[in-house]
Protein backbone atom coordinates (compact mmCIF):
# COMPACT_ATOMS: atom_id res chain seq x y z
CA MET A 1 5.96 -4.05 -3.86
CA PHE A 2 4.70 -4.47 -0.30
CA ILE A 3 6.75 -3.59 2.77
CA PHE A 4 6.09 -2.59 6.35
CA SER A 5 8.34 -0.84 8.82
CA ILE A 6 8.60 -0.35 12.56
CA ASP A 7 9.52 3.31 13.07
CA SER A 8 10.92 5.18 16.07
CA PHE A 9 12.18 1.92 17.61
CA ASN A 10 14.92 3.65 19.58
CA ALA A 11 17.33 6.56 19.32
CA VAL A 12 19.94 4.51 17.45
CA GLN A 13 17.84 2.21 15.25
CA LYS A 14 15.17 4.53 13.87
CA GLU A 15 13.55 2.09 11.43
CA LEU A 16 13.21 -1.65 10.82
CA GLN A 17 12.09 -2.60 7.29
CA TYR A 18 10.29 -5.93 6.74
CA GLU A 19 9.76 -7.21 3.20
CA PRO A 20 8.42 -10.50 1.79
CA ASN A 21 10.61 -12.43 -0.63
CA THR A 22 8.46 -12.00 -3.76
CA PRO A 23 10.73 -11.39 -6.78
CA GLY A 24 9.32 -11.57 -10.28
CA LEU A 25 5.98 -10.22 -9.05
CA SER A 26 3.51 -9.44 -11.84
CA ARG A 27 -0.02 -8.06 -11.70
CA PHE A 28 -2.68 -9.11 -14.20
CA GLY A 29 -5.93 -7.24 -14.53
CA LEU A 30 -9.03 -6.50 -16.58
CA SER A 31 -10.98 -3.26 -16.79
CA ALA A 32 -14.27 -2.30 -18.43
CA PHE A 33 -16.97 0.30 -17.82
CA GLY A 34 -15.01 1.82 -14.94
CA LEU A 35 -14.60 -1.52 -13.13
CA GLY A 36 -11.20 -3.12 -12.78
CA ALA A 37 -9.91 -6.26 -11.04
CA SER A 38 -6.33 -7.44 -10.64
CA ILE A 39 -4.34 -10.16 -8.92
CA SER A 40 -0.61 -10.58 -8.33
CA THR A 41 1.42 -13.68 -9.23
CA ARG A 42 5.06 -14.62 -8.75
CA GLY A 43 7.62 -16.21 -11.04
CA PRO A 44 9.20 -19.66 -10.54
CA ASN A 45 10.88 -20.45 -7.21
CA GLU A 46 14.20 -20.68 -9.07
CA GLU A 47 14.20 -16.88 -9.13
CA LEU A 48 14.17 -16.62 -5.33
CA ASP A 49 17.16 -15.40 -3.37
CA LYS A 50 17.25 -18.20 -0.81
CA ASP A 51 19.10 -15.98 1.66
CA LYS A 52 15.87 -13.97 2.04
CA GLY A 53 13.77 -16.99 3.00
CA GLU A 54 10.47 -17.96 1.40
CA SER A 55 7.15 -16.13 1.37
CA LYS A 56 3.53 -17.02 0.64
CA PHE A 57 1.04 -14.40 -0.46
CA LEU A 58 -2.36 -13.54 -1.86
CA ASP A 59 -2.83 -10.02 -3.20
CA PHE A 60 -6.17 -9.19 -4.86
CA GLN A 61 -7.61 -5.76 -5.62
CA LEU A 62 -10.93 -4.71 -7.13
CA SER A 63 -11.65 -1.11 -8.07
CA TYR A 64 -14.33 1.06 -9.63
CA ASN A 65 -13.90 4.68 -10.74
CA SER A 66 -16.22 7.09 -12.48
CA THR A 67 -16.03 10.87 -12.67
CA LYS A 68 -18.22 11.07 -9.55
CA TRP A 69 -17.66 7.91 -7.47
CA GLY A 70 -14.84 5.50 -6.76
CA ALA A 71 -14.25 2.40 -4.63
CA ASP A 72 -11.31 0.08 -3.89
CA LEU A 73 -11.44 -3.38 -2.31
CA TYR A 74 -8.24 -4.89 -0.88
CA VAL A 75 -7.39 -8.48 0.10
CA GLN A 76 -3.73 -8.89 1.06
CA GLN A 77 -2.15 -11.82 2.90
CA TYR A 78 1.61 -12.25 3.31
CA GLU A 79 3.57 -14.83 5.32
CA GLY A 80 7.36 -14.96 5.64
CA PHE A 81 9.50 -11.80 5.82
CA TYR A 82 13.14 -10.81 5.93
CA LEU A 83 14.64 -7.65 7.41
CA LYS A 84 15.63 -5.53 4.44
CA ASN A 85 18.08 -3.37 6.39
CA SER A 86 19.64 -6.31 8.26
CA SER A 87 23.15 -4.92 7.69
CA GLU A 88 22.28 -2.04 10.00
CA VAL A 89 21.30 -4.41 12.82
CA GLY A 90 24.19 -6.15 14.55
CA GLY A 91 26.56 -5.63 11.62
CA THR A 92 25.46 -8.91 10.05
CA THR A 93 26.15 -9.87 6.43
CA THR A 94 23.11 -12.18 6.33
CA TYR A 95 19.42 -11.35 6.51
CA HIS A 96 17.37 -11.66 9.69
CA LEU A 97 14.51 -14.00 8.74
CA PHE A 98 10.97 -14.18 10.14
CA PRO A 99 9.36 -17.18 8.39
CA ASP A 100 6.29 -17.30 10.65
CA LEU A 101 5.55 -13.56 10.52
CA LYS A 102 2.14 -12.92 8.93
CA PHE A 103 0.55 -9.71 7.70
CA GLN A 104 -3.09 -9.41 6.60
CA HIS A 105 -5.01 -6.43 5.26
CA TYR A 106 -8.67 -6.27 4.24
CA GLY A 107 -10.25 -2.98 3.29
CA LEU A 108 -12.96 -1.12 1.43
CA MET A 109 -12.32 2.52 0.59
CA GLY A 110 -14.58 4.90 -1.32
CA ARG A 111 -14.39 8.41 -2.73
CA TYR A 112 -16.88 11.03 -3.82
CA ALA A 113 -16.00 13.93 -6.14
CA MET A 114 -17.26 17.12 -4.51
CA ASP A 115 -16.38 19.30 -7.51
CA ASN A 116 -15.74 17.62 -10.87
CA ASN A 117 -17.43 19.62 -13.60
CA GLY A 118 -14.39 19.17 -15.85
CA GLY A 119 -14.62 15.38 -15.86
CA PHE A 120 -11.36 14.47 -14.07
CA SER A 121 -10.90 10.67 -14.05
CA ILE A 122 -8.59 8.53 -11.89
CA SER A 123 -8.92 5.69 -14.43
CA GLY A 124 -7.74 8.11 -17.09
CA LEU A 125 -4.77 9.16 -15.00
CA LEU A 126 -3.56 5.63 -14.23
CA ASN A 127 -4.11 3.79 -17.53
CA GLN A 128 -6.31 5.94 -19.82
CA ALA A 129 -9.27 3.61 -19.44
CA ASP A 130 -11.14 6.94 -19.65
CA GLU A 131 -10.25 9.66 -22.13
CA ILE A 132 -7.77 12.27 -20.93
CA LYS A 133 -9.03 15.80 -21.52
CA LYS A 134 -8.34 19.24 -20.11
CA THR A 135 -10.01 19.71 -16.74
CA ALA A 136 -9.85 22.00 -13.74
CA GLY A 137 -9.32 18.92 -11.56
CA SER A 138 -11.39 17.65 -8.68
CA TYR A 139 -11.67 17.54 -4.89
CA PHE A 140 -12.68 14.34 -3.13
CA LEU A 141 -14.16 13.16 0.11
CA VAL A 142 -12.41 9.88 0.96
CA GLY A 143 -13.43 7.28 3.54
CA GLY A 144 -13.77 3.62 4.39
CA PHE A 145 -12.91 0.73 6.68
CA ARG A 146 -9.73 -1.33 6.95
CA GLN A 147 -8.63 -4.26 9.08
CA TYR A 148 -4.98 -5.12 9.75
CA THR A 149 -3.45 -8.12 11.49
CA LEU A 150 0.23 -8.67 12.26
CA GLU A 151 0.96 -12.06 13.86
CA THR A 152 3.99 -14.17 14.75
CA GLU A 153 4.84 -17.20 16.89
CA ASN A 154 8.17 -15.67 17.92
CA SER A 155 9.38 -12.13 18.44
CA MET A 156 9.33 -9.92 15.34
CA ILE A 157 12.30 -7.96 16.72
CA PRO A 158 15.74 -9.15 15.54
CA THR A 159 17.88 -10.73 18.28
CA PRO A 160 20.51 -7.92 18.49
CA LEU A 161 17.77 -5.40 19.36
CA GLN A 162 15.82 -7.49 21.87
CA GLY A 163 15.77 -6.11 25.40
CA ILE A 164 15.48 -2.47 24.26
CA ASN A 165 11.68 -2.41 23.91
CA THR A 166 10.31 -5.33 25.92
CA GLU A 167 6.70 -4.69 24.87
CA MET A 168 7.57 -5.01 21.19
CA ASP A 169 9.76 -8.05 22.03
CA ASN A 170 6.74 -9.73 23.61
CA LEU A 171 4.18 -8.73 20.96
CA ARG A 172 2.76 -11.79 19.22
CA LYS A 173 -0.32 -10.34 17.53
CA LEU A 174 -1.63 -6.91 16.64
CA SER A 175 -5.19 -6.61 15.37
CA VAL A 176 -6.76 -3.28 14.50
CA ASN A 177 -10.00 -2.17 12.88
CA THR A 178 -9.77 1.33 11.43
CA LEU A 179 -12.22 4.00 10.34
CA ASN A 180 -10.63 6.28 7.73
CA LEU A 181 -11.89 9.70 6.67
CA GLY A 182 -10.13 12.43 4.75
CA VAL A 183 -9.89 14.55 1.63
CA GLY A 184 -8.13 14.31 -1.71
CA ALA A 185 -7.35 16.42 -4.77
CA GLY A 186 -6.49 15.45 -8.34
CA LYS A 187 -5.62 17.15 -11.60
CA TYR A 188 -3.88 16.52 -14.91
CA TRP A 189 -2.40 18.92 -17.41
CA VAL A 190 -2.65 18.25 -21.16
CA SER A 191 -0.45 19.91 -23.80
CA SER A 192 -1.50 20.89 -27.32
CA SER A 193 0.42 17.84 -28.61
CA SER A 194 -1.65 15.49 -26.35
CA PHE A 195 1.03 14.76 -23.75
CA PHE A 196 -0.19 14.86 -20.15
CA ILE A 197 0.95 14.66 -16.55
CA GLY A 198 -1.19 14.41 -13.44
CA ALA A 199 -1.54 13.32 -9.84
CA VAL A 200 -4.04 12.50 -7.09
CA PHE A 201 -3.16 12.92 -3.42
CA ASP A 202 -5.31 11.74 -0.49
CA LEU A 203 -4.73 12.57 3.17
CA THR A 204 -6.82 10.64 5.69
CA GLY A 205 -7.24 10.46 9.43
CA THR A 206 -7.14 6.86 10.67
CA TYR A 207 -8.96 6.02 13.91
CA GLY A 208 -8.22 2.48 15.08
CA LEU A 209 -9.46 0.09 17.75
CA TYR A 210 -6.38 -1.92 18.73
CA LYS A 211 -5.89 -5.29 20.39
CA TYR A 212 -2.32 -6.28 21.30
CA THR A 213 -1.63 -9.88 22.28
CA LEU A 214 1.61 -10.26 24.24
CA THR A 215 3.32 -13.23 25.87
CA ASN A 216 2.14 -11.93 29.25
CA GLY A 217 -1.44 -10.83 28.43
CA GLU A 218 -3.55 -8.52 26.26
CA GLN A 219 -3.96 -4.78 25.83
CA ASN A 220 -6.90 -2.97 24.23
CA THR A 221 -6.86 0.69 23.30
CA ASP A 222 -7.61 3.19 20.52
CA TYR A 223 -5.38 5.60 18.59
CA SER A 224 -5.66 8.16 15.82
CA THR A 225 -2.98 8.52 13.15
CA ILE A 226 -2.50 10.11 9.70
CA SER A 227 -2.23 8.11 6.45
CA TYR A 228 -1.85 9.04 2.77
CA SER A 229 -1.98 7.75 -0.79
CA LEU A 230 -0.44 9.21 -3.95
CA LYS A 231 -1.16 8.34 -7.58
CA VAL A 232 0.82 9.88 -10.47
CA GLY A 233 0.75 9.39 -14.24
CA THR A 234 2.18 10.75 -17.48
CA GLY A 235 1.95 9.78 -21.13
CA TYR A 236 0.53 10.43 -24.56
CA ALA A 237 -3.25 10.69 -25.07
CA GLY A 238 -3.76 10.39 -28.83
CA LYS A 239 -7.02 9.75 -30.64
CA LYS A 240 -6.11 6.15 -31.43
CA TRP A 241 -2.84 5.37 -29.64
CA ARG A 242 -2.53 5.98 -25.91
CA THR A 243 0.52 5.12 -23.83
CA GLY A 244 2.05 6.10 -20.54
CA VAL A 245 3.48 5.20 -17.17
CA SER A 246 1.86 5.53 -13.78
CA ALA A 247 2.65 4.72 -10.18
CA TYR A 248 1.00 4.75 -6.80
CA ALA A 249 1.99 4.57 -3.15
CA ASP A 250 -0.44 3.77 -0.35
CA ALA A 251 0.90 4.19 3.20
CA THR A 252 -0.87 3.68 6.51
CA THR A 253 0.43 4.61 9.95
CA LEU A 254 -0.54 2.28 12.81
CA GLN A 255 0.34 2.64 16.47
CA GLY A 256 2.83 0.13 17.86
CA LEU A 257 3.85 -0.28 21.49
CA ASP A 258 6.07 2.00 23.58
CA ARG A 259 5.91 4.99 21.18
CA THR A 260 6.69 2.96 18.03
CA TYR A 261 4.75 3.10 14.75
CA ILE A 262 4.02 0.29 12.31
CA LYS A 263 3.74 1.51 8.72
CA PRO A 264 2.54 -0.85 5.97
CA GLN A 265 3.11 0.51 2.47
CA ALA A 266 2.23 -0.77 -1.00
CA THR A 267 3.75 0.69 -4.17
CA ALA A 268 3.27 -0.18 -7.84
CA PHE A 269 4.58 0.93 -11.22
CA PHE A 270 2.66 0.47 -14.50
CA LEU A 271 3.62 0.72 -18.18
CA TYR A 272 0.77 0.47 -20.69
CA VAL A 273 -0.14 0.85 -24.37
CA ARG A 274 -3.71 1.14 -25.67
CA TYR A 275 -5.28 1.28 -29.12
CA VAL A 276 -8.80 2.70 -29.47
CA PHE A 277 -10.99 1.07 -32.15
CA ASP A 278 -13.90 3.51 -32.00
């Protein structure tokens, strides 16, 4: 699931939640030798809730993880959003729609294990592509570059709230290039009966060069914010049969206008079963 929010909009309306209409979303992927690639697809249009409008999207991710190095490539493009918490805005029973609202994210993030003598593996945690075994865990140095664009032909603020924050009313495009640097830690625990649970948490500082395009001109500035990602997994790590569930959340904090924050967030949930032939 992908969603972004505008936080700290005003004292009454703390958060606005924007979500694309992408029901029946499935992710297909392949992994081998530490390299994995996946792409998302959507079910037939008959499954759409027409009250939420229509959305177009491309969501592609490529990753590589070993016990020492890791890298993630992101290509995300979404067009057409509805306001998820519309009922809180103006007391409406219908959704506020933003069919021309576009969000794009391109990024390359890497990690380096500073202490991993026990062989902790992120691929093992998420889908047991690597063998799960007892380990003291690992500490990571995390960094990379990301580019975000939020663009619309009309205001992205719902009509009942226009006039409160005129800068956000007039915002037509936000473009930001970010440098991200931080640290992470990961560990899993394995029982004598081969059941395990584990997690990886990354905390990064995000320094961004911003360009705001408004109806009355442009603004250029730079801001620093804090972002995070969390990956968790649990399951059974047998000699032949391996199964489990895992999930991740990746959240970035970007600076909006007039003390607001724009927070894109991607979450996913996986269920898998593996059989080992050798």
